[in-house]
């Protein structure tokens, strides 16, 4: 839905942000662990953002087009 509704000029940014929000929301919804839900959501959002950044960097290194 995000890809369909977002304007093309900001599509990669909007899809990345919505994906991170969904990751953080999913982590808050799942039970378990000793850390608070907020800490868990922050951890998942941080590592998700890092993974997206590394993926984008590798794609740019190999000339992938977004």
PDB file of N, CA and C in Angstrom:
ATOM      1  N   UNK A   1       0.827  -1.184   0.000  1.00  0.00           N
ATOM      2  CA  UNK A   1       0.000   0.000   0.000  1.00  0.00           C
ATOM      3  C   UNK A   1       0.875   1.254   0.000  1.00  0.00           C
ATOM      4  N   UNK A   2       1.961   1.203   0.735  1.00  0.00           N
ATOM      5  CA  UNK A   2       2.837   2.367   0.789  1.00  0.00           C
ATOM      6  C   UNK A   2       3.395   2.679  -0.590  1.00  0.00           C
ATOM      7  N   UNK A   3       3.843   1.665  -1.295  1.00  0.00           N
ATOM      8  CA  UNK A   3       4.425   1.874  -2.621  1.00  0.00           C
ATOM      9  C   UNK A   3       3.393   2.409  -3.603  1.00  0.00           C
ATOM     10  N   UNK A   4       2.149   2.046  -3.413  1.00  0.00           N
ATOM     11  CA  UNK A   4       1.100   2.531  -4.304  1.00  0.00           C
ATOM     12  C   UNK A   4       0.691   3.966  -3.984  1.00  0.00           C
ATOM     13  N   UNK A   5       0.731   4.342  -2.720  1.00  0.00           N
ATOM     14  CA  UNK A   5       0.213   5.642  -2.305  1.00  0.00           C
ATOM     15  C   UNK A   5       1.259   6.755  -2.240  1.00  0.00           C
ATOM     16  N   UNK A   6       2.508   6.394  -2.075  1.00  0.00           N
ATOM     17  CA  UNK A   6       3.558   7.416  -1.929  1.00  0.00           C
ATOM     18  C   UNK A   6       3.926   8.013  -3.282  1.00  0.00           C
ATOM     19  N   UNK A   7       4.224   9.300  -3.308  1.00  0.00           N
ATOM     20  CA  UNK A   7       4.674   9.910  -4.567  1.00  0.00           C
ATOM     21  C   UNK A   7       6.031   9.344  -4.990  1.00  0.00           C
ATOM     22  N   UNK A   8       6.236   9.217  -6.278  1.00  0.00           N
ATOM     23  CA  UNK A   8       7.456   8.597  -6.810  1.00  0.00           C
ATOM     24  C   UNK A   8       8.725   9.336  -6.391  1.00  0.00           C
ATOM     25  N   UNK A   9       8.634  10.632  -6.188  1.00  0.00           N
ATOM     26  CA  UNK A   9       9.832  11.418  -5.857  1.00  0.00           C
ATOM     27  C   UNK A   9      10.421  11.071  -4.492  1.00  0.00           C
ATOM     28  N   UNK A  10       9.598  10.574  -3.581  1.00  0.00           N
ATOM     29  CA  UNK A  10      10.076  10.233  -2.237  1.00  0.00           C
ATOM     30  C   UNK A  10       9.800   8.769  -1.888  1.00  0.00           C
ATOM     31  N   UNK A  11       9.550   7.959  -2.895  1.00  0.00           N
ATOM     32  CA  UNK A  11       9.163   6.567  -2.658  1.00  0.00           C
ATOM     33  C   UNK A  11      10.177   5.778  -1.823  1.00  0.00           C
ATOM     34  N   UNK A  12      11.479   5.780  -2.153  1.00  0.00           N
ATOM     35  CA  UNK A  12      12.413   4.989  -1.331  1.00  0.00           C
ATOM     36  C   UNK A  12      12.432   5.429   0.137  1.00  0.00           C
ATOM     37  N   UNK A  13      12.390   6.716   0.381  1.00  0.00           N
ATOM     38  CA  UNK A  13      12.407   7.224   1.751  1.00  0.00           C
ATOM     39  C   UNK A  13      11.145   6.814   2.505  1.00  0.00           C
ATOM     40  N   UNK A  14       9.994   6.980   1.880  1.00  0.00           N
ATOM     41  CA  UNK A  14       8.726   6.651   2.537  1.00  0.00           C
ATOM     42  C   UNK A  14       8.625   5.157   2.816  1.00  0.00           C
ATOM     43  N   UNK A  15       9.014   4.331   1.858  1.00  0.00           N
ATOM     44  CA  UNK A  15       8.962   2.877   2.061  1.00  0.00           C
ATOM     45  C   UNK A  15       9.914   2.467   3.185  1.00  0.00           C
ATOM     46  N   UNK A  16      11.092   3.054   3.244  1.00  0.00           N
ATOM     47  CA  UNK A  16      12.044   2.735   4.319  1.00  0.00           C
ATOM     48  C   UNK A  16      11.487   3.119   5.683  1.00  0.00           C
ATOM     49  N   UNK A  17      10.933   4.315   5.787  1.00  0.00           N
ATOM     50  CA  UNK A  17      10.383   4.770   7.073  1.00  0.00           C
ATOM     51  C   UNK A  17       9.189   3.933   7.514  1.00  0.00           C
ATOM     52  N   UNK A  18       8.300   3.624   6.603  1.00  0.00           N
ATOM     53  CA  UNK A  18       7.136   2.805   6.963  1.00  0.00           C
ATOM     54  C   UNK A  18       7.583   1.401   7.365  1.00  0.00           C
ATOM     55  N   UNK A  19       8.582   0.872   6.684  1.00  0.00           N
ATOM     56  CA  UNK A  19       9.113  -0.449   7.048  1.00  0.00           C
ATOM     57  C   UNK A  19       9.690  -0.444   8.454  1.00  0.00           C
ATOM     58  N   UNK A  20      10.443   0.594   8.801  1.00  0.00           N
ATOM     59  CA  UNK A  20      11.006   0.693  10.151  1.00  0.00           C
ATOM     60  C   UNK A  20       9.912   0.835  11.204  1.00  0.00           C
ATOM     61  N   UNK A  21       8.896   1.616  10.902  1.00  0.00           N
ATOM     62  CA  UNK A  21       7.778   1.760  11.840  1.00  0.00           C
ATOM     63  C   UNK A  21       7.051   0.431  12.039  1.00  0.00           C
ATOM     64  N   UNK A  22       6.882  -0.309  10.963  1.00  0.00           N
ATOM     65  CA  UNK A  22       6.225  -1.618  11.075  1.00  0.00           C
ATOM     66  C   UNK A  22       7.087  -2.596  11.878  1.00  0.00           C
ATOM     67  N   UNK A  23       8.397  -2.577  11.658  1.00  0.00           N
ATOM     68  CA  UNK A  23       9.296  -3.428  12.449  1.00  0.00           C
ATOM     69  C   UNK A  23       9.200  -3.105  13.938  1.00  0.00           C
ATOM     70  N   UNK A  24       9.245  -1.815  14.243  1.00  0.00           N
ATOM     71  CA  UNK A  24       9.174  -1.400  15.647  1.00  0.00           C
ATOM     72  C   UNK A  24       7.812  -1.752  16.245  1.00  0.00           C
ATOM     73  N   UNK A  25       6.757  -1.547  15.502  1.00  0.00           N
ATOM     74  CA  UNK A  25       5.415  -1.892  15.989  1.00  0.00           C
ATOM     75  C   UNK A  25       5.251  -3.379  16.202  1.00  0.00           C
ATOM     76  N   UNK A  26       5.811  -4.168  15.301  1.00  0.00           N
ATOM     77  CA  UNK A  26       5.734  -5.625  15.428  1.00  0.00           C
ATOM     78  C   UNK A  26       6.472  -6.074  16.698  1.00  0.00           C
ATOM     79  N   UNK A  27       7.625  -5.486  16.957  1.00  0.00           N
ATOM     80  CA  UNK A  27       8.399  -5.842  18.153  1.00  0.00           C
ATOM     81  C   UNK A  27       7.636  -5.476  19.428  1.00  0.00           C
ATOM     82  N   UNK A  28       6.964  -4.343  19.426  1.00  0.00           N
ATOM     83  CA  UNK A  28       6.194  -3.936  20.611  1.00  0.00           C
ATOM     84  C   UNK A  28       5.011  -4.860  20.837  1.00  0.00           C
ATOM     85  N   UNK A  29       4.464  -5.402  19.768  1.00  0.00           N
ATOM     86  CA  UNK A  29       3.281  -6.253  19.865  1.00  0.00           C
ATOM     87  C   UNK A  29       3.626  -7.652  20.365  1.00  0.00           C
ATOM     88  N   UNK A  30       4.825  -8.147  20.020  1.00  0.00           N
ATOM     89  CA  UNK A  30       5.216  -9.502  20.401  1.00  0.00           C
ATOM     90  C   UNK A  30       5.609  -9.561  21.877  1.00  0.00           C
ATOM     91  N   UNK A  31       5.134 -10.575  22.597  1.00  0.00           N
ATOM     92  CA  UNK A  31       5.535 -10.725  23.996  1.00  0.00           C
ATOM     93  C   UNK A  31       6.907 -11.396  24.100  1.00  0.00           C
ATOM     94  N   UNK A  32       7.504 -11.266  25.257  1.00  0.00           N
ATOM     95  CA  UNK A  32       8.736 -12.007  25.507  1.00  0.00           C
ATOM     96  C   UNK A  32       9.919 -11.120  25.819  1.00  0.00           C
ATOM     97  N   UNK A  33      10.956 -11.761  26.347  1.00  0.00           N
ATOM     98  CA  UNK A  33      12.183 -11.041  26.682  1.00  0.00           C
ATOM     99  C   UNK A  33      12.063 -10.289  27.995  1.00  0.00           C
ATOM    100  N   UNK A  34      13.206  -9.868  28.497  1.00  0.00           N
ATOM    101  CA  UNK A  34      13.211  -9.128  29.762  1.00  0.00           C
ATOM    102  C   UNK A  34      13.219  -7.620  29.552  1.00  0.00           C
ATOM    103  N   UNK A  35      13.634  -7.179  28.383  1.00  0.00           N
ATOM    104  CA  UNK A  35      13.700  -5.743  28.115  1.00  0.00           C
ATOM    105  C   UNK A  35      12.291  -5.196  27.910  1.00  0.00           C
ATOM    106  N   UNK A  36      12.141  -3.914  28.149  1.00  0.00           N
ATOM    107  CA  UNK A  36      10.836  -3.290  27.918  1.00  0.00           C
ATOM    108  C   UNK A  36      10.525  -3.301  26.425  1.00  0.00           C
ATOM    109  N   UNK A  37       9.260  -3.147  26.116  1.00  0.00           N
ATOM    110  CA  UNK A  37       8.835  -3.146  24.720  1.00  0.00           C
ATOM    111  C   UNK A  37       9.463  -1.984  23.957  1.00  0.00           C
ATOM    112  N   UNK A  38       9.634  -0.870  24.623  1.00  0.00           N
ATOM    113  CA  UNK A  38      10.227   0.295  23.963  1.00  0.00           C
ATOM    114  C   UNK A  38      11.690   0.041  23.624  1.00  0.00           C
ATOM    115  N   UNK A  39      12.419  -0.571  24.527  1.00  0.00           N
ATOM    116  CA  UNK A  39      13.831  -0.896  24.266  1.00  0.00           C
ATOM    117  C   UNK A  39      13.925  -1.901  23.125  1.00  0.00           C
ATOM    118  N   UNK A  40      13.074  -2.896  23.147  1.00  0.00           N
ATOM    119  CA  UNK A  40      13.075  -3.893  22.074  1.00  0.00           C
ATOM    120  C   UNK A  40      12.737  -3.287  20.731  1.00  0.00           C
ATOM    121  N   UNK A  41      11.745  -2.414  20.700  1.00  0.00           N
ATOM    122  CA  UNK A  41      11.360  -1.758  19.448  1.00  0.00           C
ATOM    123  C   UNK A  41      12.489  -0.868  18.938  1.00  0.00           C
ATOM    124  N   UNK A  42      13.150  -0.172  19.843  1.00  0.00           N
ATOM    125  CA  UNK A  42      14.278   0.665  19.440  1.00  0.00           C
ATOM    126  C   UNK A  42      15.425  -0.154  18.881  1.00  0.00           C
ATOM    127  N   UNK A  43      15.687  -1.290  19.509  1.00  0.00           N
ATOM    128  CA  UNK A  43      16.755  -2.170  19.046  1.00  0.00           C
ATOM    129  C   UNK A  43      16.443  -2.711  17.649  1.00  0.00           C
ATOM    130  N   UNK A  44      15.219  -3.160  17.453  1.00  0.00           N
ATOM    131  CA  UNK A  44      14.832  -3.695  16.148  1.00  0.00           C
ATOM    132  C   UNK A  44      14.873  -2.600  15.085  1.00  0.00           C
ATOM    133  N   UNK A  45      14.408  -1.401  15.413  1.00  0.00           N
ATOM    134  CA  UNK A  45      14.430  -0.296  14.455  1.00  0.00           C
ATOM    135  C   UNK A  45      15.869   0.086  14.112  1.00  0.00           C
ATOM    136  N   UNK A  46      16.756   0.121  15.106  1.00  0.00           N
ATOM    137  CA  UNK A  46      18.157   0.466  14.857  1.00  0.00           C
ATOM    138  C   UNK A  46      18.816  -0.533  13.921  1.00  0.00           C
ATOM    139  N   UNK A  47      18.704  -1.820  14.241  1.00  0.00           N
ATOM    140  CA  UNK A  47      19.352  -2.837  13.420  1.00  0.00           C
ATOM    141  C   UNK A  47      18.684  -2.949  12.054  1.00  0.00           C
ATOM    142  N   UNK A  48      17.388  -2.704  11.994  1.00  0.00           N
ATOM    143  CA  UNK A  48      16.707  -2.694  10.699  1.00  0.00           C
ATOM    144  C   UNK A  48      17.205  -1.558   9.828  1.00  0.00           C
ATOM    145  N   UNK A  49      17.373  -0.370  10.423  1.00  0.00           N
ATOM    146  CA  UNK A  49      17.884   0.782   9.679  1.00  0.00           C
ATOM    147  C   UNK A  49      19.319   0.524   9.212  1.00  0.00           C
ATOM    148  N   UNK A  50      20.115  -0.080  10.072  1.00  0.00           N
ATOM    149  CA  UNK A  50      21.491  -0.406   9.700  1.00  0.00           C
ATOM    150  C   UNK A  50      21.512  -1.391   8.531  1.00  0.00           C
ATOM    151  N   UNK A  51      20.670  -2.404   8.594  1.00  0.00           N
ATOM    152  CA  UNK A  51      20.605  -3.393   7.513  1.00  0.00           C
ATOM    153  C   UNK A  51      20.149  -2.745   6.205  1.00  0.00           C
ATOM    154  N   UNK A  52      19.180  -1.843   6.278  1.00  0.00           N
ATOM    155  CA  UNK A  52      18.728  -1.142   5.075  1.00  0.00           C
ATOM    156  C   UNK A  52      19.840  -0.269   4.506  1.00  0.00           C
ATOM    157  N   UNK A  53      20.584   0.384   5.370  1.00  0.00           N
ATOM    158  CA  UNK A  53      21.688   1.224   4.911  1.00  0.00           C
ATOM    159  C   UNK A  53      22.787   0.420   4.247  1.00  0.00           C
ATOM    160  N   UNK A  54      23.144  -0.709   4.850  1.00  0.00           N
ATOM    161  CA  UNK A  54      24.178  -1.569   4.268  1.00  0.00           C
ATOM    162  C   UNK A  54      23.702  -2.111   2.922  1.00  0.00           C
ATOM    163  N   UNK A  55      22.450  -2.516   2.840  1.00  0.00           N
ATOM    164  CA  UNK A  55      21.899  -3.019   1.588  1.00  0.00           C
ATOM    165  C   UNK A  55      21.929  -1.942   0.503  1.00  0.00           C
ATOM    166  N   UNK A  56      21.555  -0.724   0.866  1.00  0.00           N
ATOM    167  CA  UNK A  56      21.584   0.382  -0.101  1.00  0.00           C
ATOM    168  C   UNK A  56      23.009   0.674  -0.544  1.00  0.00           C
ATOM    169  N   UNK A  57      23.958   0.636   0.381  1.00  0.00           N
ATOM    170  CA  UNK A  57      25.360   0.903   0.042  1.00  0.00           C
ATOM    171  C   UNK A  57      25.910  -0.161  -0.896  1.00  0.00           C
ATOM    172  N   UNK A  58      25.613  -1.414  -0.636  1.00  0.00           N
ATOM    173  CA  UNK A  58      26.080  -2.500  -1.500  1.00  0.00           C
ATOM    174  C   UNK A  58      25.420  -2.394  -2.876  1.00  0.00           C
ATOM    175  N   UNK A  59      24.136  -2.067  -2.885  1.00  0.00           N
ATOM    176  CA  UNK A  59      23.457  -1.882  -4.166  1.00  0.00           C
ATOM    177  C   UNK A  59      24.069  -0.759  -4.974  1.00  0.00           C
ATOM    178  N   UNK A  60      24.384   0.344  -4.319  1.00  0.00           N
ATOM    179  CA  UNK A  60      25.004   1.484  -4.997  1.00  0.00           C
ATOM    180  C   UNK A  60      26.407   1.115  -5.488  1.00  0.00           C
ATOM    181  N   UNK A  61      27.131   0.337  -4.686  1.00  0.00           N
ATOM    182  CA  UNK A  61      28.481  -0.105  -5.056  1.00  0.00           C
ATOM    183  C   UNK A  61      28.454  -0.925  -6.346  1.00  0.00           C
ATOM    184  N   UNK A  62      27.415  -1.764  -6.497  1.00  0.00           N
ATOM    185  CA  UNK A  62      27.308  -2.611  -7.678  1.00  0.00           C
ATOM    186  C   UNK A  62      26.448  -1.997  -8.781  1.00  0.00           C
ATOM    187  N   UNK A  63      26.029  -0.747  -8.585  1.00  0.00           N
ATOM    188  CA  UNK A  63      25.303  -0.053  -9.636  1.00  0.00           C
ATOM    189  C   UNK A  63      23.829  -0.395  -9.759  1.00  0.00           C
ATOM    190  N   UNK A  64      23.224  -0.883  -8.688  1.00  0.00           N
ATOM    191  CA  UNK A  64      21.796  -1.193  -8.730  1.00  0.00           C
ATOM    192  C   UNK A  64      20.993   0.095  -8.814  1.00  0.00           C
ATOM    193  N   UNK A  65      19.887   0.057  -9.513  1.00  0.00           N
ATOM    194  CA  UNK A  65      19.037   1.203  -9.676  1.00  0.00           C
ATOM    195  C   UNK A  65      17.781   1.006  -8.832  1.00  0.00           C
ATOM    196  N   UNK A  66      17.445   2.021  -8.032  1.00  0.00           N
ATOM    197  CA  UNK A  66      16.262   1.921  -7.181  1.00  0.00           C
ATOM    198  C   UNK A  66      15.065   2.389  -7.964  1.00  0.00           C
TER     199      UNK A  66
END
